[in-house]
């Protein structure tokens, strides 16, 4: 017999933080900002549009559940090696994470299940090393405000003498702010089109609130990224 209802359940979770990666990322952003004066070269007006597909190796908050997304950038290059980008995007994650279990004398499994949609918007600083004529290396450091649309639930499945009871409660997840550092190589496909391939890391600057039945927590967005995109210029 299966009973479906909604009621309170205990939330068992101990977050694991990426302190070292956050520290390295903050140092990287600081170094990029400190290097800006040295990149003040001749005027080099150029405008580009970049579309990027991203694969996320997600944070320990969700057992590294993979996610996928897309980002669009309008990029301005006022100097030869210095650029700025305005960005917006969309990311999608499917979560299926067992967070607690017991089997004596009654079997109880507690899991996070559902989907998450993220809508980041923000900007980046771009530094280019185009000393190689065949490929251009670009470093990116940026900040994103992330809007969250959550369809995530805590699901408690209780099995007692053949009777299965499933209890579901919804998560209330707030928006957050992340930092991003990335490096990628750009190769020219034609006069108007280029291909970019690279890696990145995003980290929490301000974590969103995560509440389940008045039990408060924090929502982490730290993640490694694999990025591939196309760039067109005007």
Protein backbone atom coordinates (compact mmCIF):
# COMPACT_ATOMS: atom_id res chain seq x y z
CA UNK A 1 0.00 0.00 0.00
CA UNK A 2 1.33 3.48 -0.85
CA UNK A 3 0.22 6.63 0.98
CA UNK A 4 1.09 10.04 -0.50
CA UNK A 5 1.00 13.01 1.88
CA UNK A 6 2.96 16.09 2.92
CA UNK A 7 4.33 16.56 6.41
CA UNK A 8 7.45 17.51 8.34
CA UNK A 9 10.66 15.50 8.23
CA UNK A 10 14.10 16.01 9.67
CA UNK A 11 16.66 17.49 7.33
CA UNK A 12 20.06 15.83 7.73
CA UNK A 13 22.90 17.48 5.91
CA UNK A 14 26.40 18.65 6.64
CA UNK A 15 27.82 20.92 3.89
CA UNK A 16 31.37 20.49 2.67
CA UNK A 17 32.97 23.76 1.66
CA UNK A 18 35.43 24.59 -1.11
CA UNK A 19 37.45 27.10 0.92
CA UNK A 20 40.73 26.53 -0.90
CA UNK A 21 39.18 26.91 -4.37
CA UNK A 22 37.34 30.07 -3.31
CA UNK A 23 40.59 31.51 -1.98
CA UNK A 24 42.47 30.68 -5.20
CA UNK A 25 39.66 32.16 -7.30
CA UNK A 26 39.60 35.40 -5.29
CA UNK A 27 43.37 35.70 -5.63
CA UNK A 28 43.05 35.14 -9.39
CA UNK A 29 40.45 37.91 -9.73
CA UNK A 30 42.68 40.24 -7.70
CA UNK A 31 45.65 39.49 -9.95
CA UNK A 32 43.58 40.14 -13.07
CA UNK A 33 42.39 43.47 -11.73
CA UNK A 34 45.94 44.42 -10.73
CA UNK A 35 47.12 43.65 -14.27
CA UNK A 36 44.68 46.05 -15.94
CA UNK A 37 47.08 49.03 -16.21
CA UNK A 38 49.63 46.95 -18.10
CA UNK A 39 46.98 46.10 -20.70
CA UNK A 40 46.18 49.73 -21.50
CA UNK A 41 47.40 49.60 -25.09
CA UNK A 42 46.32 51.37 -28.24
CA UNK A 43 42.65 51.92 -29.00
CA UNK A 44 41.15 48.74 -30.43
CA UNK A 45 37.39 49.11 -30.72
CA UNK A 46 35.73 45.76 -31.34
CA UNK A 47 32.35 44.27 -30.45
CA UNK A 48 31.66 40.54 -30.32
CA UNK A 49 28.76 38.24 -29.50
CA UNK A 50 29.62 34.92 -27.87
CA UNK A 51 27.33 31.95 -27.29
CA UNK A 52 28.61 29.28 -24.91
CA UNK A 53 27.41 25.84 -23.86
CA UNK A 54 28.49 24.83 -20.36
CA UNK A 55 28.67 21.53 -18.51
CA UNK A 56 28.78 21.77 -14.69
CA UNK A 57 30.50 19.35 -12.35
CA UNK A 58 28.26 20.51 -9.55
CA UNK A 59 29.08 21.12 -5.91
CA UNK A 60 29.17 18.67 -3.03
CA UNK A 61 25.91 20.21 -1.86
CA UNK A 62 24.21 17.95 -4.42
CA UNK A 63 26.69 15.07 -4.71
CA UNK A 64 28.22 16.64 -7.81
CA UNK A 65 24.98 16.25 -9.78
CA UNK A 66 25.84 17.28 -13.34
CA UNK A 67 24.11 20.21 -14.97
CA UNK A 68 24.02 21.90 -18.35
CA UNK A 69 23.56 25.48 -19.42
CA UNK A 70 24.06 28.18 -22.00
CA UNK A 71 25.40 31.71 -21.73
CA UNK A 72 25.31 34.67 -24.11
CA UNK A 73 27.85 37.51 -23.94
CA UNK A 74 28.09 40.89 -25.60
CA UNK A 75 31.81 41.67 -25.47
CA UNK A 76 33.54 45.03 -25.94
CA UNK A 77 37.27 45.36 -26.54
CA UNK A 78 38.24 49.02 -25.93
CA UNK A 79 41.92 48.04 -25.83
CA UNK A 80 43.91 45.44 -27.70
CA UNK A 81 44.11 43.00 -24.82
CA UNK A 82 41.43 44.29 -22.45
CA UNK A 83 37.72 43.62 -22.80
CA UNK A 84 34.45 43.69 -20.92
CA UNK A 85 31.40 41.45 -21.27
CA UNK A 86 27.75 41.68 -20.31
CA UNK A 87 26.29 38.22 -19.81
CA UNK A 88 23.03 36.37 -19.31
CA UNK A 89 22.31 32.67 -19.25
CA UNK A 90 20.27 29.65 -18.26
CA UNK A 91 21.32 26.49 -16.38
CA UNK A 92 19.40 23.31 -15.67
CA UNK A 93 20.02 20.64 -13.03
CA UNK A 94 18.29 17.39 -12.14
CA UNK A 95 18.85 16.40 -8.50
CA UNK A 96 18.44 12.87 -7.10
CA UNK A 97 20.46 12.71 -3.89
CA UNK A 98 20.08 10.33 -0.94
CA UNK A 99 20.90 12.35 2.19
CA UNK A 100 19.94 9.93 5.00
CA UNK A 101 18.88 6.31 5.46
CA UNK A 102 18.11 3.88 8.28
CA UNK A 103 16.79 0.29 8.33
CA UNK A 104 16.39 -0.69 11.99
CA UNK A 105 13.64 -1.51 12.69
CA UNK A 106 11.82 0.56 10.04
CA UNK A 107 13.41 1.46 6.71
CA UNK A 108 13.53 5.23 6.20
CA UNK A 109 15.19 6.93 3.20
CA UNK A 110 15.46 10.72 2.93
CA UNK A 111 16.35 12.17 -0.46
CA UNK A 112 16.46 15.43 -2.40
CA UNK A 113 14.65 15.09 -5.71
CA UNK A 114 13.59 17.49 -8.42
CA UNK A 115 14.90 20.13 -10.79
CA UNK A 116 16.55 23.52 -10.50
CA UNK A 117 16.67 26.36 -13.02
CA UNK A 118 19.24 29.15 -12.68
CA UNK A 119 19.19 32.47 -14.55
CA UNK A 120 22.56 34.24 -14.10
CA UNK A 121 23.11 37.83 -15.20
CA UNK A 122 26.23 39.94 -14.74
CA UNK A 123 29.52 41.03 -16.24
CA UNK A 124 33.14 40.01 -16.77
CA UNK A 125 36.60 41.43 -17.33
CA UNK A 126 38.51 39.81 -20.20
CA UNK A 127 42.27 39.69 -20.69
CA UNK A 128 43.65 38.38 -23.98
CA UNK A 129 47.06 36.96 -24.80
CA UNK A 130 47.07 36.85 -28.60
CA UNK A 131 50.82 36.37 -29.06
CA UNK A 132 50.10 33.11 -30.91
CA UNK A 133 48.71 33.85 -34.37
CA UNK A 134 46.91 30.49 -34.55
CA UNK A 135 45.19 30.64 -31.15
CA UNK A 136 44.21 33.30 -28.62
CA UNK A 137 44.23 32.63 -24.86
CA UNK A 138 41.59 34.56 -22.90
CA UNK A 139 41.27 34.88 -19.13
CA UNK A 140 37.88 35.85 -17.69
CA UNK A 141 36.90 37.04 -14.22
CA UNK A 142 33.32 38.00 -13.49
CA UNK A 143 30.37 38.28 -11.15
CA UNK A 144 26.84 36.94 -11.68
CA UNK A 145 23.58 37.51 -9.83
CA UNK A 146 21.69 34.21 -10.03
CA UNK A 147 17.88 33.99 -10.04
CA UNK A 148 16.67 30.57 -8.87
CA UNK A 149 13.54 28.71 -9.95
CA UNK A 150 13.19 25.60 -7.77
CA UNK A 151 11.10 22.47 -8.16
CA UNK A 152 13.07 20.61 -5.49
CA UNK A 153 11.55 18.43 -2.77
CA UNK A 154 12.73 16.47 0.24
CA UNK A 155 11.21 13.01 -0.11
CA UNK A 156 10.98 10.67 2.88
CA UNK A 157 10.14 7.05 2.05
CA UNK A 158 9.14 4.90 5.03
CA UNK A 159 8.71 1.13 4.73
CA UNK A 160 7.05 -0.57 7.70
CA UNK A 161 5.76 -4.17 7.49
CA UNK A 162 5.14 -3.88 3.75
CA UNK A 163 3.45 -0.50 3.95
CA UNK A 164 5.26 2.29 2.06
CA UNK A 165 4.61 5.90 3.03
CA UNK A 166 6.04 8.75 0.93
CA UNK A 167 6.19 12.22 2.48
CA UNK A 168 7.18 15.24 0.38
CA UNK A 169 8.05 18.80 1.36
CA UNK A 170 9.18 21.57 -0.95
CA UNK A 171 12.39 23.57 -0.70
CA UNK A 172 12.25 27.36 -0.73
CA UNK A 173 15.51 28.50 -2.37
CA UNK A 174 16.61 32.12 -2.66
CA UNK A 175 18.75 33.91 -5.21
CA UNK A 176 22.52 34.16 -4.85
CA UNK A 177 25.68 35.85 -6.15
CA UNK A 178 28.63 33.96 -7.64
CA UNK A 179 32.12 34.79 -8.88
CA UNK A 180 33.59 33.19 -11.98
CA UNK A 181 37.14 32.60 -13.21
CA UNK A 182 37.79 30.96 -16.55
CA UNK A 183 40.45 30.40 -19.18
CA UNK A 184 39.81 29.33 -22.75
CA UNK A 185 41.49 29.12 -26.13
CA UNK A 186 39.96 30.80 -29.19
CA UNK A 187 40.73 29.63 -32.73
CA UNK A 188 39.53 31.36 -35.87
CA UNK A 189 37.19 29.42 -38.17
CA UNK A 190 36.58 32.29 -40.60
CA UNK A 191 36.86 36.08 -40.70
CA UNK A 192 33.59 36.39 -38.76
CA UNK A 193 33.48 33.21 -36.68
CA UNK A 194 35.72 31.69 -33.99
CA UNK A 195 35.58 28.64 -31.74
CA UNK A 196 36.34 28.76 -28.00
CA UNK A 197 37.14 25.86 -25.65
CA UNK A 198 38.01 26.17 -21.98
CA UNK A 199 37.57 25.44 -18.29
CA UNK A 200 36.18 27.52 -15.44
CA UNK A 201 35.28 27.60 -11.78
CA UNK A 202 32.39 29.44 -10.13
CA UNK A 203 32.18 30.07 -6.39
CA UNK A 204 29.72 31.56 -3.93
CA UNK A 205 30.04 35.23 -2.99
CA UNK A 206 26.61 35.40 -1.36
CA UNK A 207 24.79 32.09 -0.87
CA UNK A 208 21.07 31.87 -1.40
CA UNK A 209 18.88 30.82 1.50
CA UNK A 210 17.58 27.25 1.45
CA UNK A 211 14.57 26.61 3.70
CA UNK A 212 12.58 23.43 4.15
CA UNK A 213 9.67 23.65 6.61
CA UNK A 214 11.26 26.49 8.59
CA UNK A 215 14.64 24.70 8.82
CA UNK A 216 17.06 27.28 7.35
CA UNK A 217 20.19 26.49 5.42
CA UNK A 218 22.39 27.81 2.62
CA UNK A 219 22.31 27.01 -1.07
CA UNK A 220 25.77 26.51 -2.63
CA UNK A 221 26.53 27.06 -6.31
CA UNK A 222 30.27 26.29 -6.37
CA UNK A 223 31.11 24.29 -9.47
CA UNK A 224 33.72 23.43 -12.07
CA UNK A 225 32.75 24.15 -15.68
CA UNK A 226 33.62 22.84 -19.12
CA UNK A 227 32.88 25.53 -21.72
CA UNK A 228 32.56 25.51 -25.52
CA UNK A 229 31.29 28.36 -27.64
CA UNK A 230 31.19 30.32 -30.87
CA UNK A 231 32.18 33.97 -31.29
CA UNK A 232 31.15 36.35 -34.04
CA UNK A 233 32.38 39.94 -34.43
CA UNK A 234 31.09 43.09 -36.07
